[in-house]
Protein backbone atom coordinates (compact mmCIF):
# COMPACT_ATOMS: atom_id res chain seq x y z
CA MET A 1 72.76 -10.15 12.68
CA ALA A 2 72.87 -11.61 16.64
CA ASP A 3 71.54 -10.66 19.24
CA HIS A 4 72.87 -8.30 21.62
CA PRO A 5 74.20 -10.38 24.32
CA VAL A 6 71.48 -8.88 27.06
CA ASP A 7 69.09 -10.22 24.29
CA GLU A 8 70.07 -14.15 24.43
CA LYS A 9 68.06 -16.62 25.35
CA LEU A 10 70.18 -19.25 26.93
CA PRO A 11 69.41 -22.96 27.27
CA PRO A 12 66.33 -23.81 29.48
CA LEU A 13 67.93 -25.54 31.78
CA LYS A 14 70.97 -22.78 32.38
CA MET A 15 67.98 -20.18 32.08
CA ALA A 16 66.33 -22.06 35.47
CA THR A 17 69.32 -22.26 37.37
CA THR A 18 71.15 -18.65 36.55
CA GLY A 19 68.06 -17.85 37.51
CA LEU A 20 67.53 -19.83 40.95
CA GLN A 21 71.16 -17.43 41.36
CA HIS A 22 69.97 -14.12 41.00
CA VAL A 23 66.71 -15.62 43.47
CA ALA A 24 69.51 -17.07 46.43
CA ALA A 25 71.77 -13.77 46.18
CA MET A 26 68.01 -11.52 46.33
CA TYR A 27 66.41 -13.24 48.81
CA ALA A 28 67.25 -12.71 52.29
CA GLY A 29 66.94 -8.75 51.24
CA VAL A 30 63.38 -9.45 50.02
CA VAL A 31 62.28 -10.59 52.79
CA ALA A 32 64.27 -9.05 55.76
CA PRO A 33 61.80 -5.69 55.10
CA PRO A 34 58.78 -7.47 55.50
CA LEU A 35 60.06 -8.91 58.62
CA ILE A 36 60.85 -5.80 60.19
CA VAL A 37 57.07 -3.92 58.99
CA GLY A 38 55.67 -7.40 60.05
CA ALA A 39 57.55 -7.10 63.77
CA ALA A 40 56.63 -4.02 64.92
CA ILE A 41 53.37 -3.93 63.70
CA GLY A 42 53.42 -7.85 65.96
CA LEU A 43 51.29 -9.40 63.43
CA SER A 44 51.22 -13.26 64.30
CA ALA A 45 53.35 -15.68 62.26
CA GLY A 46 50.72 -16.88 60.35
CA GLU A 47 49.88 -12.91 59.08
CA LEU A 48 54.00 -12.38 58.97
CA THR A 49 54.24 -15.67 56.21
CA PHE A 50 51.09 -14.36 54.05
CA LEU A 51 53.17 -10.59 53.61
CA THR A 52 56.82 -11.93 53.02
CA GLY A 53 54.61 -14.35 50.48
CA ALA A 54 52.95 -11.45 49.34
CA CYS A 55 56.28 -9.40 48.84
CA LEU A 56 57.97 -12.70 47.18
CA PHE A 57 55.19 -12.18 44.81
CA THR A 58 55.07 -8.60 43.20
CA ALA A 59 58.90 -8.84 43.65
CA GLY A 60 58.60 -11.09 40.74
CA LEU A 61 55.82 -8.89 39.20
CA ALA A 62 58.21 -6.09 39.13
CA THR A 63 60.67 -7.96 38.48
CA PHE A 64 59.14 -8.52 35.36
CA LEU A 65 57.89 -5.32 34.16
CA GLN A 66 61.52 -3.84 34.60
CA THR A 67 63.27 -7.13 32.29
CA LEU A 68 60.82 -8.16 29.73
CA GLY A 69 58.51 -4.44 29.26
CA ILE A 70 55.29 -3.71 27.67
CA TRP A 71 55.39 -0.27 25.57
CA LYS A 72 57.16 1.92 27.11
CA ILE A 73 57.61 0.98 30.85
CA GLY A 74 60.73 -1.57 31.07
CA ALA A 75 64.79 -1.14 31.08
CA ARG A 76 64.82 -4.55 29.05
CA LEU A 77 68.40 -5.08 30.90
CA PRO A 78 68.83 -7.85 33.28
CA PHE A 79 67.60 -6.02 36.63
CA VAL A 80 65.80 -7.37 40.05
CA ASN A 81 63.40 -5.74 41.48
CA GLY A 82 62.13 -6.49 44.85
CA VAL A 83 60.61 -3.89 48.30
CA THR A 84 63.56 -1.19 49.15
CA PHE A 85 65.37 -0.95 52.55
CA ALA A 86 64.53 2.61 51.93
CA GLY A 87 61.29 2.97 52.68
CA VAL A 88 61.64 0.26 56.15
CA ALA A 89 62.53 3.53 58.23
CA PRO A 90 59.72 5.52 57.28
CA MET A 91 57.01 2.58 57.61
CA THR A 92 57.94 1.77 61.39
CA ALA A 93 58.08 5.22 61.71
CA ILE A 94 54.64 5.33 59.96
CA VAL A 95 53.51 1.44 62.32
CA ALA A 96 54.74 3.56 65.57
CA SER A 97 53.01 6.25 65.16
CA THR A 98 49.80 5.03 64.33
CA GLU A 99 47.74 4.28 67.43
CA ASP A 100 45.21 1.41 65.92
CA LYS A 101 48.34 -0.75 64.76
CA SER A 102 45.74 -2.71 62.44
CA ASP A 103 45.24 0.58 60.34
CA ALA A 104 48.96 0.75 59.82
CA LEU A 105 49.64 -1.06 56.32
CA PRO A 106 46.64 0.21 55.10
CA ILE A 107 48.40 2.78 55.33
CA ILE A 108 50.99 2.09 53.78
CA PHE A 109 49.59 0.54 51.68
CA GLY A 110 47.92 3.65 50.61
CA ALA A 111 50.65 5.74 50.63
CA VAL A 112 52.96 3.82 48.41
CA ILE A 113 49.87 3.70 46.26
CA VAL A 114 49.76 6.99 45.12
CA ALA A 115 53.72 7.62 45.25
CA GLY A 116 54.01 5.11 43.00
CA LEU A 117 51.70 6.73 40.41
CA LEU A 118 53.14 10.43 41.19
CA GLY A 119 56.63 8.61 41.03
CA PHE A 120 54.99 7.02 37.71
CA ILE A 121 53.75 10.47 36.33
CA ALA A 122 57.11 12.52 36.81
CA ALA A 123 59.58 9.76 35.30
CA PRO A 124 60.75 11.06 32.19
CA PHE A 125 61.21 14.37 34.13
CA PHE A 126 63.35 12.57 36.61
CA SER A 127 65.72 11.02 34.16
CA LYS A 128 66.75 14.94 32.56
CA ALA A 129 67.36 15.98 36.60
CA ILE A 130 69.36 13.39 37.51
CA ARG A 131 72.12 16.01 37.73
CA PHE A 132 70.53 17.23 40.81
CA PHE A 133 71.93 13.37 41.91
CA PRO A 134 75.69 13.53 42.28
CA PRO A 135 77.42 11.01 44.15
CA VAL A 136 77.37 13.06 46.66
CA VAL A 137 73.75 12.87 47.38
CA THR A 138 72.91 9.30 46.54
CA GLY A 139 75.77 8.27 48.74
CA THR A 140 75.25 10.13 51.52
CA VAL A 141 71.50 8.57 51.23
CA ILE A 142 72.31 4.80 50.36
CA THR A 143 75.10 4.80 53.55
CA LEU A 144 71.88 6.81 55.81
CA ILE A 145 70.14 3.54 54.60
CA GLY A 146 72.52 1.00 55.92
CA ILE A 147 73.37 2.88 59.21
CA SER A 148 69.38 3.38 59.91
CA LEU A 149 68.97 -0.68 59.48
CA LEU A 150 71.21 -1.24 61.28
CA PRO A 151 69.77 -0.83 64.67
CA VAL A 152 67.29 -3.54 63.48
CA ALA A 153 69.56 -6.20 63.78
CA PHE A 154 71.04 -5.28 66.59
CA GLY A 155 67.53 -5.90 68.20
CA TRP A 156 67.42 -9.55 66.65
CA ALA A 157 70.64 -10.11 67.93
CA GLN A 158 68.88 -9.40 71.65
CA GLY A 159 65.51 -11.63 70.72
CA SER A 160 62.31 -11.67 69.35
CA SER A 161 60.54 -9.25 72.05
CA PRO A 162 62.21 -6.69 74.71
CA THR A 163 59.20 -8.46 77.30
CA ALA A 164 60.93 -11.75 76.88
CA ASP A 165 63.44 -13.50 79.68
CA ASP A 166 66.20 -14.08 77.03
CA PHE A 167 66.31 -10.73 75.39
CA GLY A 168 69.47 -9.70 75.17
CA SER A 169 70.86 -13.11 76.79
CA GLY A 170 74.19 -14.97 76.23
CA THR A 171 72.20 -17.66 74.02
CA ASN A 172 70.87 -15.11 71.68
CA LEU A 173 73.65 -12.68 71.58
CA GLY A 174 75.84 -16.48 70.76
CA LEU A 175 73.51 -17.14 68.39
CA ALA A 176 73.70 -13.79 66.77
CA ALA A 177 77.75 -14.28 66.57
CA ILE A 178 77.81 -17.25 65.42
CA THR A 179 75.56 -16.76 62.43
CA LEU A 180 78.02 -13.62 61.83
CA VAL A 181 81.49 -15.28 62.27
CA ILE A 182 79.90 -18.22 59.30
CA VAL A 183 78.50 -15.77 57.07
CA LEU A 184 82.31 -14.58 57.12
CA LEU A 185 83.75 -17.69 56.99
CA LEU A 186 81.89 -18.57 53.22
CA ARG A 187 82.44 -15.13 52.04
CA ARG A 188 86.33 -15.68 52.84
CA PHE A 189 86.64 -19.11 51.64
CA THR A 190 84.91 -19.98 49.18
CA ARG A 191 83.91 -19.09 45.89
CA GLY A 192 81.43 -18.84 42.76
CA PHE A 193 77.81 -20.02 43.62
CA VAL A 194 78.22 -20.44 47.62
CA LYS A 195 79.91 -17.00 48.01
CA GLN A 196 77.30 -15.48 46.39
CA ILE A 197 74.32 -17.14 48.83
CA ALA A 198 76.37 -17.34 51.61
CA VAL A 199 74.03 -15.28 53.96
CA LEU A 200 71.43 -17.53 53.07
CA LEU A 201 73.81 -20.20 54.33
CA GLY A 202 74.89 -18.88 56.74
CA LEU A 203 70.95 -18.48 57.83
CA VAL A 204 70.28 -22.04 57.52
CA ALA A 205 73.56 -23.08 59.21
CA GLY A 206 72.04 -20.77 62.14
CA THR A 207 68.47 -22.00 61.99
CA VAL A 208 69.97 -25.58 62.40
CA ILE A 209 72.43 -24.85 65.84
CA ALA A 210 69.61 -22.79 67.33
CA ILE A 211 67.05 -26.30 67.31
CA PRO A 212 69.06 -27.53 70.67
CA PHE A 213 69.21 -24.49 72.74
CA GLY A 214 64.67 -24.90 71.75
CA VAL A 215 64.56 -21.45 70.54
CA THR A 216 63.59 -22.25 66.32
CA ASP A 217 59.81 -22.83 66.06
CA PHE A 218 58.53 -24.47 63.10
CA GLY A 219 55.07 -24.37 63.55
CA PRO A 220 54.98 -21.01 60.28
CA VAL A 221 55.80 -23.73 58.01
CA ALA A 222 53.64 -27.39 59.55
CA ASP A 223 50.29 -24.59 59.80
CA ALA A 224 51.11 -22.97 56.37
CA ASP A 225 49.19 -24.49 52.88
CA VAL A 226 51.13 -25.79 50.29
CA VAL A 227 49.89 -23.52 47.99
CA GLY A 228 47.79 -20.16 48.50
CA PHE A 229 47.09 -16.64 47.16
CA PRO A 230 48.27 -13.14 48.15
CA THR A 231 44.60 -11.65 48.47
CA PRO A 232 43.93 -7.88 47.17
CA PHE A 233 43.64 -6.65 50.46
CA HIS A 234 44.23 -8.75 53.14
CA PHE A 235 44.98 -6.64 55.55
CA GLY A 236 42.15 -4.17 54.28
CA ALA A 237 41.80 -1.67 51.38
CA PRO A 238 43.49 1.19 51.37
CA GLN A 239 43.92 4.16 53.51
CA PHE A 240 45.76 8.20 52.36
CA GLN A 241 46.89 9.96 55.15
CA LEU A 242 48.65 13.33 53.69
CA ALA A 243 52.34 12.63 56.61
CA ALA A 244 52.71 8.71 55.50
CA ILE A 245 51.71 10.59 51.65
CA LEU A 246 54.63 12.76 51.59
CA SER A 247 57.71 10.68 53.93
CA MET A 248 56.62 7.38 51.19
CA CYS A 249 57.08 10.19 47.61
CA VAL A 250 60.45 10.87 49.92
CA VAL A 251 61.49 7.64 49.42
CA MET A 252 60.02 6.95 46.40
CA VAL A 253 62.45 10.09 45.49
CA VAL A 254 65.29 7.74 46.58
CA SER A 255 64.61 4.57 45.46
CA MET A 256 64.45 6.31 41.92
CA THR A 257 67.65 7.49 42.66
CA GLU A 258 69.48 4.72 42.75
CA SER A 259 67.78 2.24 40.51
CA THR A 260 68.61 5.39 37.91
CA ALA A 261 72.00 4.46 39.80
CA ASP A 262 72.01 1.00 39.24
CA MET A 263 70.70 1.26 35.33
CA LEU A 264 74.19 3.63 34.35
CA ALA A 265 77.27 0.80 36.17
CA LEU A 266 74.46 -2.11 35.03
CA GLY A 267 74.70 -0.26 31.10
CA GLU A 268 77.80 -0.28 31.29
CA ILE A 269 79.06 -3.53 32.21
CA VAL A 270 76.32 -5.33 29.76
CA ASP A 271 77.81 -2.76 27.66
CA ARG A 272 74.45 -1.44 26.16
CA PRO A 273 74.53 1.61 28.31
CA ALA A 274 71.04 3.49 29.64
CA ASP A 275 70.29 6.58 27.16
CA GLU A 276 67.76 9.27 29.06
CA LYS A 277 64.85 6.65 27.21
CA THR A 278 66.17 3.37 28.60
CA ILE A 279 65.75 5.52 32.23
CA ALA A 280 62.98 6.77 31.53
CA ALA A 281 61.28 3.10 31.00
CA GLY A 282 62.81 2.15 33.91
CA LEU A 283 61.49 4.73 36.24
CA ARG A 284 57.91 4.03 35.12
CA ALA A 285 58.62 -0.26 35.90
CA ASP A 286 60.18 0.49 38.95
CA THR A 287 57.03 3.35 39.86
CA LEU A 288 54.57 1.19 38.34
CA GLY A 289 55.65 -2.54 40.02
CA SER A 290 55.67 0.06 43.22
CA ALA A 291 52.27 0.93 42.80
CA ILE A 292 50.68 -2.26 42.43
CA SER A 293 52.22 -3.82 44.74
CA PRO A 294 50.11 -2.23 47.55
CA VAL A 295 46.72 -4.42 46.21
CA PHE A 296 48.86 -7.71 46.43
CA ASN A 297 50.21 -6.06 49.54
CA GLY A 298 53.43 -6.23 49.00
CA PHE A 299 55.30 -2.31 49.35
CA MET A 300 57.29 0.20 47.36
CA CYS A 301 59.92 -1.79 44.68
CA SER A 302 63.38 -1.13 43.82
CA ALA A 303 66.14 -2.03 42.10
CA PHE A 304 68.88 -4.93 43.97
CA ALA A 305 71.94 -3.72 43.66
CA GLN A 306 73.17 -6.37 44.53
CA ASN A 307 72.04 -8.49 41.69
CA ILE A 308 74.13 -6.49 39.43
CA GLY A 309 77.61 -7.21 40.77
CA LEU A 310 76.38 -11.17 40.56
CA VAL A 311 75.78 -10.13 36.74
CA ALA A 312 79.06 -8.00 36.48
CA MET A 313 80.49 -11.70 38.20
CA THR A 314 79.25 -14.06 35.92
CA LYS A 315 79.16 -12.62 32.27
CA ILE A 316 75.46 -13.80 32.15
CA ARG A 317 73.81 -11.03 30.78
CA SER A 318 70.70 -12.34 28.99
CA ARG A 319 67.56 -10.34 31.23
CA PHE A 320 65.65 -13.63 30.67
CA VAL A 321 67.65 -14.53 32.34
CA VAL A 322 66.94 -12.13 35.54
CA ALA A 323 62.91 -12.73 34.49
CA ALA A 324 63.54 -16.29 35.57
CA GLY A 325 64.45 -15.61 38.73
CA GLY A 326 61.15 -13.21 38.37
CA GLY A 327 59.55 -16.07 38.13
CA PHE A 328 60.60 -18.65 40.62
CA LEU A 329 59.75 -14.79 42.90
CA VAL A 330 56.40 -15.28 42.11
CA LEU A 331 55.93 -18.80 42.36
CA MET A 332 57.64 -18.26 45.28
CA GLY A 333 54.60 -16.58 46.33
CA LEU A 334 52.35 -18.24 45.57
CA CYS A 335 53.61 -20.78 48.05
CA PRO A 336 52.69 -20.59 51.70
CA MET A 337 54.78 -22.88 52.85
CA ALA A 338 58.03 -21.67 50.78
CA ALA A 339 57.05 -18.01 52.13
CA SER A 340 56.20 -19.81 56.24
CA LEU A 341 60.89 -21.19 55.73
CA ILE A 342 62.08 -17.90 56.53
CA ALA A 343 59.75 -17.60 59.91
CA VAL A 344 61.19 -20.60 61.14
CA VAL A 345 64.41 -18.09 61.10
CA PRO A 346 65.32 -17.43 65.07
CA ARG A 347 65.64 -13.59 65.37
CA PRO A 348 69.07 -13.64 66.99
CA VAL A 349 70.30 -15.95 63.69
CA LEU A 350 68.42 -12.46 61.41
CA GLY A 351 70.04 -10.56 64.22
CA GLY A 352 73.78 -11.78 63.26
CA ALA A 353 73.23 -11.96 59.07
CA GLY A 354 71.34 -8.66 59.35
CA VAL A 355 74.52 -7.03 60.48
CA VAL A 356 76.45 -8.71 57.18
CA LEU A 357 73.36 -7.64 55.08
CA PHE A 358 72.82 -3.86 56.48
CA GLY A 359 76.49 -3.33 57.30
CA SER A 360 76.88 -3.85 53.24
CA VAL A 361 74.32 -1.44 52.23
CA ALA A 362 75.86 1.43 54.29
CA ALA A 363 79.66 0.38 52.84
CA SER A 364 77.67 0.81 48.76
CA GLY A 365 77.22 4.41 49.81
CA ILE A 366 80.41 4.87 51.08
CA GLN A 367 81.77 3.37 47.68
CA THR A 368 79.72 5.47 46.41
CA LEU A 369 81.22 8.43 48.40
CA VAL A 370 84.58 7.85 47.34
CA ARG A 371 83.38 9.02 43.95
CA ALA A 372 81.94 11.95 45.20
CA SER A 373 84.84 14.35 45.38
CA LEU A 374 85.92 14.72 48.78
CA GLU A 375 88.64 16.48 48.50
CA LYS A 376 86.77 19.54 47.81
CA ASP A 377 84.88 21.69 51.11
CA ASN A 378 81.78 22.15 49.80
CA ASN A 379 81.25 18.45 49.09
CA VAL A 380 82.33 17.50 53.20
CA LEU A 381 79.82 19.48 54.39
CA ILE A 382 76.66 18.16 52.47
CA VAL A 383 77.96 15.01 53.48
CA ALA A 384 78.53 15.77 57.04
CA VAL A 385 75.26 17.75 57.61
CA SER A 386 73.37 15.70 55.29
CA LEU A 387 74.71 12.29 57.68
CA ALA A 388 74.05 14.56 60.91
CA VAL A 389 70.75 14.78 60.05
CA GLY A 390 69.84 11.66 59.12
CA ILE A 391 71.28 10.00 62.19
CA ILE A 392 69.65 12.70 64.79
CA PRO A 393 66.33 9.47 64.80
CA ILE A 394 69.28 6.84 65.72
CA ALA A 395 71.40 8.70 68.27
CA ALA A 396 68.39 11.32 69.47
CA PRO A 397 65.48 9.09 68.99
CA GLU A 398 63.50 11.44 71.45
CA PHE A 399 65.13 14.81 69.59
CA TYR A 400 61.79 15.43 67.81
CA HIS A 401 59.36 15.04 70.25
CA SER A 402 58.11 18.08 70.98
CA PHE A 403 56.59 18.31 67.00
CA PRO A 404 52.62 17.19 66.13
CA GLU A 405 52.91 13.45 65.47
CA ASN A 406 52.28 13.63 61.47
CA ALA A 407 55.44 15.78 61.30
CA LYS A 408 58.04 12.60 63.06
CA ILE A 409 56.09 10.07 60.71
CA ILE A 410 59.11 12.18 57.92
CA LEU A 411 61.51 13.33 60.66
CA ASP A 412 61.94 10.79 62.44
CA SER A 413 62.82 8.16 59.43
CA GLY A 414 66.56 9.68 59.10
CA ILE A 415 66.50 8.66 55.15
CA SER A 416 63.67 10.55 54.68
CA THR A 417 65.70 13.61 56.20
CA GLY A 418 68.35 12.81 55.19
CA CYS A 419 67.92 12.91 51.83
CA VAL A 420 66.26 16.27 51.27
CA ALA A 421 68.72 17.87 53.31
CA ALA A 422 71.67 15.52 50.44
CA VAL A 423 69.59 18.00 47.88
CA LEU A 424 69.25 21.12 49.26
CA LEU A 425 72.46 21.61 49.97
CA ASN A 426 74.30 20.08 46.89
CA LEU A 427 71.36 23.10 45.16
CA VAL A 428 73.14 25.63 47.51
CA PHE A 429 76.74 24.59 47.18
CA ASN A 430 77.06 23.53 43.24
CA HIS A 431 74.07 25.26 41.20
CA ILE A 432 72.95 28.47 42.77
CA GLY A 433 75.17 31.47 42.60
CA LYS A 434 76.94 32.51 40.29
CA GLY A 435 79.90 33.31 42.05
CA ARG A 436 81.69 30.26 42.88
CA GLU A 437 85.29 29.71 42.54
CA ALA A 438 85.44 27.03 39.76
CA GLU A 439 87.54 24.17 41.68
CA ASP A 440 84.82 24.64 44.81
CA VAL A 441 82.51 22.50 42.58
CA THR A 442 81.05 19.64 41.68
CA HIS A 443 80.42 18.77 38.24
CA PRO A 444 76.76 16.59 38.78
CA MET A 445 77.96 13.93 35.75
CA GLU A 446 81.63 14.14 36.31
CA ALA A 447 83.06 10.67 34.78
CA ALA A 448 83.97 7.96 37.84
CA GLU A 449 84.74 4.65 37.90
CA ASP A 450 81.94 1.83 37.61
CA ILE A 451 82.07 -1.21 40.02
CA THR A 452 84.22 -2.85 37.41
CA GLY A 453 87.08 -0.71 37.47
CA ALA A 454 86.80 1.60 34.60
CA LYS A 455 86.19 5.20 33.95
CA ARG A 456 82.73 5.81 32.30
CA ALA A 457 83.47 9.26 30.77
CA PRO A 458 80.57 11.95 31.49
CA ALA A 459 77.08 12.34 30.47
CA THR A 460 76.65 14.23 27.35
CA PRO A 461 74.72 17.47 28.66
């Protein structure tokens, strides 16, 4: 009996090239979170390079867990894992509330470890509770992730520091605009592999264009070692603070929700539908990878949706191809010089690419909301109020200024508050009570179109 395409082992050369393609598709997404958090802390170029390499290394380890699997851990699907965007806003909120910035990363790492272990324990139960996370909830949360990160891109576009003389200058904004245009042109007029790595090519082109303006610094590459290892707890032993832990636990719920939705979509694409057992195993890999990641100075890990689109486009369904991509991520993490390349990219160039990158996350959330039966008043209210609650920290940053510092760690994260609001409102409007009218109720697992355009059958109770 022939192997299922998911378990097919391709020739070495094809395995390597297609694995690299997956790395190219998700590279910018992996390095963005450490750049954002590292900049918020004020890390030096060398420390930023180390943090970026650590995140690449741990993304590779998490991808191994997910694709190859051990025991009941790993969905064993072509599933790429890396640093989740959902954790960026809460982590920057933790940084902002930490008086001694040298304690920020240890506090974040401690919170991620606890959230990962609790998530690992909860994985089999969460796979049964997915009915409480219909598209109206997941779509709202994913949209908020993108909206919450767009201000970061706008900040990058203005320059490296608000105190710099050229912050917000015409040169910086021009470089951001040029990079954005290059990415858009590549997406519009190219195909295949080149189109898939348009963001990466835009970063390279923008960096080259920026050289004559004197804003490109090659110092980090010259100072980086060729070979290195992400020393465990390089930034200090983990610290455990309740508010930070609660904040990252909310992010873990968001991450597990996204991963479950991604597994359902990927299962349909590769013709191996993800059942409850597969989802539980996949969530164990996500959460265990997240718990291990801080040991090597990485952040919370989750599925990368853009790689699911790559699987659908290329029709290459082998999980071993993605495992090969995980191998490249590990190698890049062990080569500080390779990791330092991203530190060369000027902030305005990153800002231009970030508009596409973060905007695409918000657009993915809107795509999910399209399947959320918004013609029903209940669901319109859920989305409206949840988005409003989630946007408060962006639109009115001082809104919670009178609250205790520990509470502000959670409240200042629009993703966390928006997620909690969406889940609670969905329970109130669509689950609790017997007297509601049937036409006003959204069945949590109703049939919906997957990303291939085909109708998916409702989940069997």
